[in-house]
């Protein structure tokens, strides 16, 4: 009997403990809900330091205009045949230096010498005919004075003399042309430089005006750059251009704007600008590609932000701002860019609010945001 009473008391005690525990848990849950009504959906504010932020500030931007193009020797020449015939000798090869006036190609001159001999013979004959015509006219003049011949006979002698004089002049010109052709059978270098291309080989028969040898002078190079027409008013002759040439690593070359075309290129809104580059060590070669920039005149101060603060997505430029304790995204229009200062012109009017100027990912509009200010002694406090 006493054993059964003991078991009943134990069961009752355990049941009481369980009921009290359930009541305590219910009270704690309600208290927790009252303290954090949002529960697990509450957002933790993002904290940013002063170094993460920037403000729109006026600045004078150093403006650069990018230029690029292919290098070509400023002075070059393709020597062409002034006579037609067989090439007897080609005295130079690609890559060899030549001097102005040096013999580079010789033609076979047998036909040219024969033609010159023929022309000289015709010239001598015309001289003899002229002498005879002069003598005949003089005799007819005396006979006309003595009335032994008519005026018509004298006029015929005078006409024959004029024809002989014309024939003599024509033959003299033919002889000179034959001599010029014989002289042109030896092609000379028109300038000092390096042979870039040999177009013919010994034994070839070439026509008049056929290319023989191309010579380039590497002492000065020229870069042709296409520049938008809107930028041309800010360029002028003599402006310095700093250039990087492919293959030369960190080495830089300096050139100057030599000429500016007066019209745009067909089918474009761009104008050719010619930049002369000294090349005393002949390091630069034709066909190399160069990129550079020219410093433009500084303008008035403009509103700017750090370049890193402006982001681009789907073709739009925008910035992240902190407004009313939350993140906001604002579309902006940018203008001139100064890579040296790391700033860009902002053409869109922005309120005087902090702008995120550090790379942050996964930002969302409306996220709570705080600016943590540095406190004395290095500790930080949210503000």
Protein backbone atom coordinates (compact mmCIF):
# COMPACT_ATOMS: atom_id res chain seq x y z
CA UNK A 1 0.00 0.00 0.00
CA UNK A 2 2.68 2.41 0.96
CA UNK A 3 4.59 1.48 -2.26
CA UNK A 4 1.66 2.44 -4.49
CA UNK A 5 1.33 5.83 -2.74
CA UNK A 6 5.01 6.51 -3.32
CA UNK A 7 4.70 5.79 -7.04
CA UNK A 8 1.64 8.06 -7.38
CA UNK A 9 3.46 10.94 -5.66
CA UNK A 10 6.45 10.54 -8.00
CA UNK A 11 4.27 10.59 -11.13
CA UNK A 12 2.44 13.69 -9.88
CA UNK A 13 5.71 15.48 -9.18
CA UNK A 14 7.07 14.76 -12.70
CA UNK A 15 3.82 15.97 -14.31
CA UNK A 16 4.01 19.21 -12.35
CA UNK A 17 7.57 19.85 -13.48
CA UNK A 18 6.61 19.34 -17.17
CA UNK A 19 3.64 21.74 -16.89
CA UNK A 20 5.79 24.44 -15.25
CA UNK A 21 8.45 24.01 -17.98
CA UNK A 22 5.87 24.44 -20.76
CA UNK A 23 4.49 27.57 -19.15
CA UNK A 24 7.99 29.05 -18.79
CA UNK A 25 8.81 28.34 -22.48
CA UNK A 26 5.59 30.01 -23.62
CA UNK A 27 6.33 33.11 -21.56
CA UNK A 28 9.92 33.27 -22.94
CA UNK A 29 8.69 32.94 -26.57
CA UNK A 30 6.21 35.76 -26.11
CA UNK A 31 8.84 37.92 -24.50
CA UNK A 32 11.27 37.25 -27.37
CA UNK A 33 8.67 38.11 -29.97
CA UNK A 34 7.89 41.35 -28.19
CA UNK A 35 11.58 42.34 -28.18
CA UNK A 36 12.20 41.52 -31.94
CA UNK A 37 8.92 41.91 -33.84
CA UNK A 38 10.60 41.51 -37.26
CA UNK A 39 12.14 38.17 -36.31
CA UNK A 40 14.50 36.70 -38.77
CA UNK A 41 13.51 39.24 -41.57
CA UNK A 42 15.26 42.18 -39.85
CA UNK A 43 18.17 43.69 -41.98
CA UNK A 44 21.53 44.45 -40.45
CA UNK A 45 22.67 47.98 -41.52
CA UNK A 46 25.78 48.18 -43.72
CA UNK A 47 28.56 50.26 -42.19
CA UNK A 48 30.96 52.39 -44.26
CA UNK A 49 33.98 54.43 -43.24
CA UNK A 50 35.01 57.83 -44.53
CA UNK A 51 37.58 56.22 -46.82
CA UNK A 52 34.77 54.32 -48.56
CA UNK A 53 32.93 57.52 -49.46
CA UNK A 54 33.34 60.52 -51.72
CA UNK A 55 31.45 63.70 -52.58
CA UNK A 56 30.96 65.58 -55.84
CA UNK A 57 33.72 68.20 -55.90
CA UNK A 58 34.79 70.77 -58.52
CA UNK A 59 38.14 70.05 -60.16
CA UNK A 60 40.14 71.15 -63.21
CA UNK A 61 40.67 68.05 -65.30
CA UNK A 62 43.74 67.47 -67.42
CA UNK A 63 42.28 66.37 -70.71
CA UNK A 64 43.92 63.86 -73.00
CA UNK A 65 42.99 62.95 -76.54
CA UNK A 66 43.94 59.36 -77.47
CA UNK A 67 45.60 58.79 -80.83
CA UNK A 68 46.59 55.60 -82.62
CA UNK A 69 47.76 54.54 -86.04
CA UNK A 70 50.38 52.80 -88.16
CA UNK A 71 53.91 54.13 -88.63
CA UNK A 72 55.27 54.92 -92.07
CA UNK A 73 58.64 56.40 -93.10
CA UNK A 74 58.24 60.10 -93.73
CA UNK A 75 60.44 59.92 -96.84
CA UNK A 76 60.24 56.95 -99.18
CA UNK A 77 60.41 56.40 -102.90
CA UNK A 78 59.70 53.66 -105.41
CA UNK A 79 62.17 53.92 -108.30
CA UNK A 80 60.43 53.17 -111.62
CA UNK A 81 61.77 52.28 -115.04
CA UNK A 82 62.20 55.26 -117.36
CA UNK A 83 62.89 52.96 -120.28
CA UNK A 84 61.53 49.59 -121.39
CA UNK A 85 63.91 46.70 -121.87
CA UNK A 86 65.77 43.84 -120.25
CA UNK A 87 67.21 44.26 -116.76
CA UNK A 88 70.93 43.52 -116.86
CA UNK A 89 71.92 44.16 -113.20
CA UNK A 90 70.22 44.77 -109.85
CA UNK A 91 72.90 46.05 -107.49
CA UNK A 92 70.98 46.09 -104.19
CA UNK A 93 68.93 43.76 -101.99
CA UNK A 94 66.29 44.24 -99.30
CA UNK A 95 67.70 45.65 -96.07
CA UNK A 96 70.83 47.11 -97.65
CA UNK A 97 71.66 50.81 -97.21
CA UNK A 98 71.98 53.01 -100.28
CA UNK A 99 73.20 56.53 -100.90
CA UNK A 100 71.50 59.16 -103.03
CA UNK A 101 72.79 58.93 -106.61
CA UNK A 102 73.99 55.32 -106.23
CA UNK A 103 73.44 53.01 -109.22
CA UNK A 104 70.83 50.41 -108.28
CA UNK A 105 69.56 48.91 -111.59
CA UNK A 106 71.13 48.67 -115.08
CA UNK A 107 69.29 47.85 -118.31
CA UNK A 108 70.69 46.25 -121.45
CA UNK A 109 71.69 49.19 -123.68
CA UNK A 110 72.36 47.53 -127.05
CA UNK A 111 69.04 48.62 -128.58
CA UNK A 112 69.29 52.07 -127.05
CA UNK A 113 72.79 52.61 -128.42
CA UNK A 114 71.66 51.50 -131.89
CA UNK A 115 68.71 53.89 -131.75
CA UNK A 116 71.01 56.74 -130.73
CA UNK A 117 73.31 56.00 -133.69
CA UNK A 118 70.31 56.01 -136.02
CA UNK A 119 69.09 59.33 -134.66
CA UNK A 120 72.53 60.89 -135.02
CA UNK A 121 72.65 59.75 -138.68
CA UNK A 122 69.27 61.33 -139.37
CA UNK A 123 70.48 64.52 -137.73
CA UNK A 124 73.56 64.72 -139.94
CA UNK A 125 71.40 64.17 -143.03
CA UNK A 126 69.04 66.95 -142.06
CA UNK A 127 71.96 69.30 -141.51
CA UNK A 128 73.19 68.57 -145.04
CA UNK A 129 69.72 69.14 -146.46
CA UNK A 130 69.47 72.42 -144.60
CA UNK A 131 72.80 73.59 -145.99
CA UNK A 132 71.64 72.75 -149.51
CA UNK A 133 68.32 74.53 -148.98
CA UNK A 134 70.10 77.65 -147.73
CA UNK A 135 72.38 77.65 -150.76
CA UNK A 136 69.46 77.17 -153.17
CA UNK A 137 67.50 80.01 -151.61
CA UNK A 138 70.48 82.36 -151.90
CA UNK A 139 70.94 81.51 -155.58
CA UNK A 140 67.23 82.02 -156.27
CA UNK A 141 67.37 85.37 -154.55
CA UNK A 142 70.05 86.56 -157.00
CA UNK A 143 68.13 85.16 -159.93
CA UNK A 144 64.94 86.87 -158.76
CA UNK A 145 66.77 90.20 -158.64
CA UNK A 146 67.89 89.67 -162.24
CA UNK A 147 64.35 88.65 -163.26
CA UNK A 148 65.54 85.21 -164.39
CA UNK A 149 62.99 83.38 -162.17
CA UNK A 150 59.53 84.16 -160.97
CA UNK A 151 58.48 85.06 -157.43
CA UNK A 152 56.77 81.68 -157.16
CA UNK A 153 60.02 79.82 -157.80
CA UNK A 154 61.75 81.86 -155.13
CA UNK A 155 58.94 81.22 -152.65
CA UNK A 156 59.29 77.47 -153.25
CA UNK A 157 62.98 77.66 -152.36
CA UNK A 158 62.15 79.66 -149.24
CA UNK A 159 59.58 77.05 -148.22
CA UNK A 160 62.02 74.23 -148.77
CA UNK A 161 64.48 75.98 -146.46
CA UNK A 162 61.85 76.27 -143.72
CA UNK A 163 61.05 72.57 -144.02
CA UNK A 164 64.74 71.69 -143.74
CA UNK A 165 65.09 73.86 -140.62
CA UNK A 166 62.11 72.12 -138.99
CA UNK A 167 63.47 68.69 -139.87
CA UNK A 168 66.81 69.59 -138.31
CA UNK A 169 65.17 70.70 -135.06
CA UNK A 170 63.09 67.51 -134.93
CA UNK A 171 66.13 65.31 -135.44
CA UNK A 172 68.06 67.22 -132.79
CA UNK A 173 65.22 66.50 -130.34
CA UNK A 174 65.19 62.82 -131.32
CA UNK A 175 68.92 62.58 -130.65
CA UNK A 176 68.45 64.18 -127.24
CA UNK A 177 65.67 61.72 -126.37
CA UNK A 178 67.86 58.80 -127.42
CA UNK A 179 70.68 60.10 -125.26
CA UNK A 180 68.28 60.54 -122.31
CA UNK A 181 67.04 56.96 -122.75
CA UNK A 182 70.60 55.68 -122.75
CA UNK A 183 71.32 57.65 -119.59
CA UNK A 184 68.09 56.40 -117.97
CA UNK A 185 69.16 52.83 -118.62
CA UNK A 186 71.00 53.21 -115.31
CA UNK A 187 68.52 53.78 -112.45
CA UNK A 188 69.89 55.86 -109.57
CA UNK A 189 68.73 56.07 -105.94
CA UNK A 190 66.81 59.33 -105.45
CA UNK A 191 67.51 59.42 -101.70
CA UNK A 192 69.67 57.84 -99.03
CA UNK A 193 68.00 55.09 -97.04
CA UNK A 194 67.40 51.35 -96.88
CA UNK A 195 66.06 49.09 -99.61
CA UNK A 196 62.60 47.94 -98.58
CA UNK A 197 61.62 46.00 -101.72
CA UNK A 198 63.33 44.76 -104.87
CA UNK A 199 60.64 44.40 -107.54
CA UNK A 200 62.71 42.99 -110.43
CA UNK A 201 65.40 40.40 -111.06
CA UNK A 202 68.20 40.33 -113.65
CA UNK A 203 66.99 39.03 -117.00
CA UNK A 204 63.43 40.30 -116.66
CA UNK A 205 61.95 42.44 -119.42
CA UNK A 206 60.03 45.32 -117.92
CA UNK A 207 57.85 48.01 -119.51
CA UNK A 208 58.17 51.73 -119.08
CA UNK A 209 57.19 52.96 -115.57
CA UNK A 210 57.46 49.49 -114.00
CA UNK A 211 58.53 49.56 -110.31
CA UNK A 212 62.15 48.56 -109.75
CA UNK A 213 63.22 49.23 -106.13
CA UNK A 214 61.53 50.81 -103.10
CA UNK A 215 63.78 52.84 -100.76
CA UNK A 216 62.78 54.19 -97.33
CA UNK A 217 64.46 56.73 -95.08
CA UNK A 218 64.00 55.74 -91.41
CA UNK A 219 65.44 58.92 -89.90
CA UNK A 220 61.93 60.30 -89.44
CA UNK A 221 58.67 58.38 -89.13
CA UNK A 222 55.08 59.49 -89.48
CA UNK A 223 51.96 58.22 -87.74
CA UNK A 224 48.57 58.82 -89.34
CA UNK A 225 45.80 58.98 -86.74
CA UNK A 226 42.05 59.28 -87.30
CA UNK A 227 40.61 61.93 -84.97
CA UNK A 228 36.88 62.72 -84.53
CA UNK A 229 36.01 66.00 -86.22
CA UNK A 230 34.63 67.38 -82.93
CA UNK A 231 38.11 67.19 -81.35
CA UNK A 232 39.98 68.87 -84.21
CA UNK A 233 39.40 72.49 -82.99
CA UNK A 234 41.47 71.69 -79.89
CA UNK A 235 44.47 70.45 -81.90
CA UNK A 236 47.14 72.56 -83.53
CA UNK A 237 50.41 72.02 -85.32
CA UNK A 238 53.41 71.52 -83.06
CA UNK A 239 51.54 69.88 -80.16
CA UNK A 240 53.56 67.12 -78.46
CA UNK A 241 52.30 63.54 -78.59
CA UNK A 242 53.62 60.79 -76.27
CA UNK A 243 53.55 57.41 -77.99
CA UNK A 244 53.89 53.78 -77.03
CA UNK A 245 54.91 51.51 -79.91
CA UNK A 246 54.03 47.82 -79.94
CA UNK A 247 57.08 45.70 -79.14
CA UNK A 248 59.01 48.37 -77.20
CA UNK A 249 57.58 47.69 -73.75
CA UNK A 250 57.83 50.71 -71.44
CA UNK A 251 59.91 52.77 -73.87
CA UNK A 252 58.10 55.93 -75.02
CA UNK A 253 58.58 58.01 -78.14
CA UNK A 254 57.81 61.68 -78.59
CA UNK A 255 56.31 63.14 -81.74
CA UNK A 256 54.72 66.39 -82.86
CA UNK A 257 51.62 67.09 -84.88
CA UNK A 258 52.96 68.02 -88.31
CA UNK A 259 49.82 68.37 -90.45
CA UNK A 260 46.03 68.22 -90.10
CA UNK A 261 43.87 67.32 -93.08
CA UNK A 262 41.37 70.03 -94.10
CA UNK A 263 38.51 67.57 -94.76
CA UNK A 264 37.04 64.43 -93.21
CA UNK A 265 37.75 61.02 -94.67
CA UNK A 266 35.01 59.74 -97.02
CA UNK A 267 32.28 57.86 -95.19
CA UNK A 268 33.48 58.93 -91.72
CA UNK A 269 33.32 61.87 -89.36
CA UNK A 270 37.07 61.65 -88.71
CA UNK A 271 40.01 63.70 -89.93
CA UNK A 272 43.56 62.45 -90.53
CA UNK A 273 46.24 63.94 -88.28
CA UNK A 274 49.90 63.39 -89.21
CA UNK A 275 52.44 63.06 -86.38
CA UNK A 276 56.17 63.27 -87.09
CA UNK A 277 58.44 61.12 -84.89
CA UNK A 278 62.26 61.46 -84.89
CA UNK A 279 63.96 58.08 -85.32
CA UNK A 280 67.72 58.73 -85.24
CA UNK A 281 68.62 55.17 -84.20
CA UNK A 282 66.32 53.64 -86.85
CA UNK A 283 64.64 51.56 -84.15
CA UNK A 284 61.16 52.21 -85.53
CA UNK A 285 60.12 50.50 -88.75
CA UNK A 286 57.29 51.00 -91.19
CA UNK A 287 54.06 49.17 -90.38
CA UNK A 288 54.48 49.22 -86.58
CA UNK A 289 51.39 50.22 -84.59
CA UNK A 290 51.51 53.03 -82.07
CA UNK A 291 49.13 54.45 -79.48
CA UNK A 292 49.49 57.70 -77.63
CA UNK A 293 47.80 60.79 -76.34
CA UNK A 294 48.08 64.53 -76.66
CA UNK A 295 47.47 66.95 -73.79
CA UNK A 296 44.67 69.42 -74.47
CA UNK A 297 44.22 72.84 -72.93
CA UNK A 298 42.76 72.75 -69.40
CA UNK A 299 39.24 74.11 -69.03
CA UNK A 300 37.23 75.56 -66.12
CA UNK A 301 36.61 73.47 -62.99
CA UNK A 302 33.73 70.97 -63.36
CA UNK A 303 31.86 68.71 -60.89
CA UNK A 304 33.80 65.45 -60.51
CA UNK A 305 33.85 62.14 -58.68
CA UNK A 306 36.55 59.48 -58.38
CA UNK A 307 36.48 57.23 -61.44
CA UNK A 308 36.06 54.17 -59.21
CA UNK A 309 32.77 55.59 -57.87
CA UNK A 310 31.09 55.40 -61.29
CA UNK A 311 29.87 51.97 -62.32
CA UNK A 312 28.47 50.78 -65.63
CA UNK A 313 25.74 48.24 -66.21
CA UNK A 314 23.74 47.58 -69.40
CA UNK A 315 25.27 50.63 -71.00
CA UNK A 316 24.25 52.98 -68.16
CA UNK A 317 26.54 54.81 -65.75
CA UNK A 318 25.38 55.02 -62.13
CA UNK A 319 26.59 55.65 -58.57
CA UNK A 320 25.56 54.31 -55.16
CA UNK A 321 24.62 56.99 -52.60
CA UNK A 322 23.55 56.98 -48.94
CA UNK A 323 20.34 58.95 -48.56
CA UNK A 324 18.18 58.94 -45.43
CA UNK A 325 20.16 56.08 -43.94
CA UNK A 326 19.58 53.81 -46.95
CA UNK A 327 21.37 52.91 -50.17
CA UNK A 328 20.13 54.62 -53.34
CA UNK A 329 21.19 54.18 -56.94
CA UNK A 330 21.36 57.20 -59.24
CA UNK A 331 21.91 57.23 -63.01
CA UNK A 332 24.58 59.76 -64.03
CA UNK A 333 25.99 61.19 -67.25
CA UNK A 334 29.78 61.42 -67.34
CA UNK A 335 31.97 63.76 -69.35
CA UNK A 336 35.71 64.32 -69.51
CA UNK A 337 37.98 61.84 -67.77
CA UNK A 338 41.37 62.46 -66.16
CA UNK A 339 43.19 59.19 -65.56
CA UNK A 340 46.15 60.96 -63.97
CA UNK A 341 43.97 62.39 -61.18
CA UNK A 342 41.60 59.43 -61.20
CA UNK A 343 38.52 61.65 -61.55
CA UNK A 344 35.69 61.99 -64.04
CA UNK A 345 33.28 64.82 -64.82
CA UNK A 346 29.69 64.31 -63.59
CA UNK A 347 27.19 66.17 -65.77
CA UNK A 348 24.15 65.03 -63.77
CA UNK A 349 23.20 67.19 -60.76
CA UNK A 350 23.49 65.13 -57.57
CA UNK A 351 22.45 66.08 -54.02
CA UNK A 352 25.22 66.65 -51.51
CA UNK A 353 25.16 63.08 -50.15
CA UNK A 354 27.89 60.49 -49.63
CA UNK A 355 28.78 58.43 -52.71
CA UNK A 356 30.33 54.98 -52.40
CA UNK A 357 33.85 55.21 -53.81
CA UNK A 358 35.06 51.69 -53.12
CA UNK A 359 34.26 48.40 -54.90
CA UNK A 360 31.34 46.71 -53.11
CA UNK A 361 29.33 43.79 -54.51
CA UNK A 362 25.73 42.62 -54.06
CA UNK A 363 24.39 46.03 -53.06
CA UNK A 364 20.62 46.52 -53.08
CA UNK A 365 18.49 49.64 -53.22
CA UNK A 366 16.95 50.45 -49.82
CA UNK A 367 19.44 48.53 -47.71
CA UNK A 368 20.06 50.36 -44.39
CA UNK A 369 23.46 52.04 -44.40
CA UNK A 370 25.46 53.84 -41.72
CA UNK A 371 28.60 55.95 -41.89
CA UNK A 372 31.07 55.01 -39.17
CA UNK A 373 33.07 58.01 -38.10
CA UNK A 374 36.54 57.62 -36.56
CA UNK A 375 36.54 58.49 -32.85
CA UNK A 376 39.48 59.92 -30.87
CA UNK A 377 41.94 57.20 -29.92
CA UNK A 378 41.14 55.12 -33.05
CA UNK A 379 37.83 53.61 -31.85
CA UNK A 380 34.82 53.92 -34.13
CA UNK A 381 31.20 54.80 -33.40
CA UNK A 382 28.18 54.58 -35.65
CA UNK A 383 26.68 57.81 -36.76
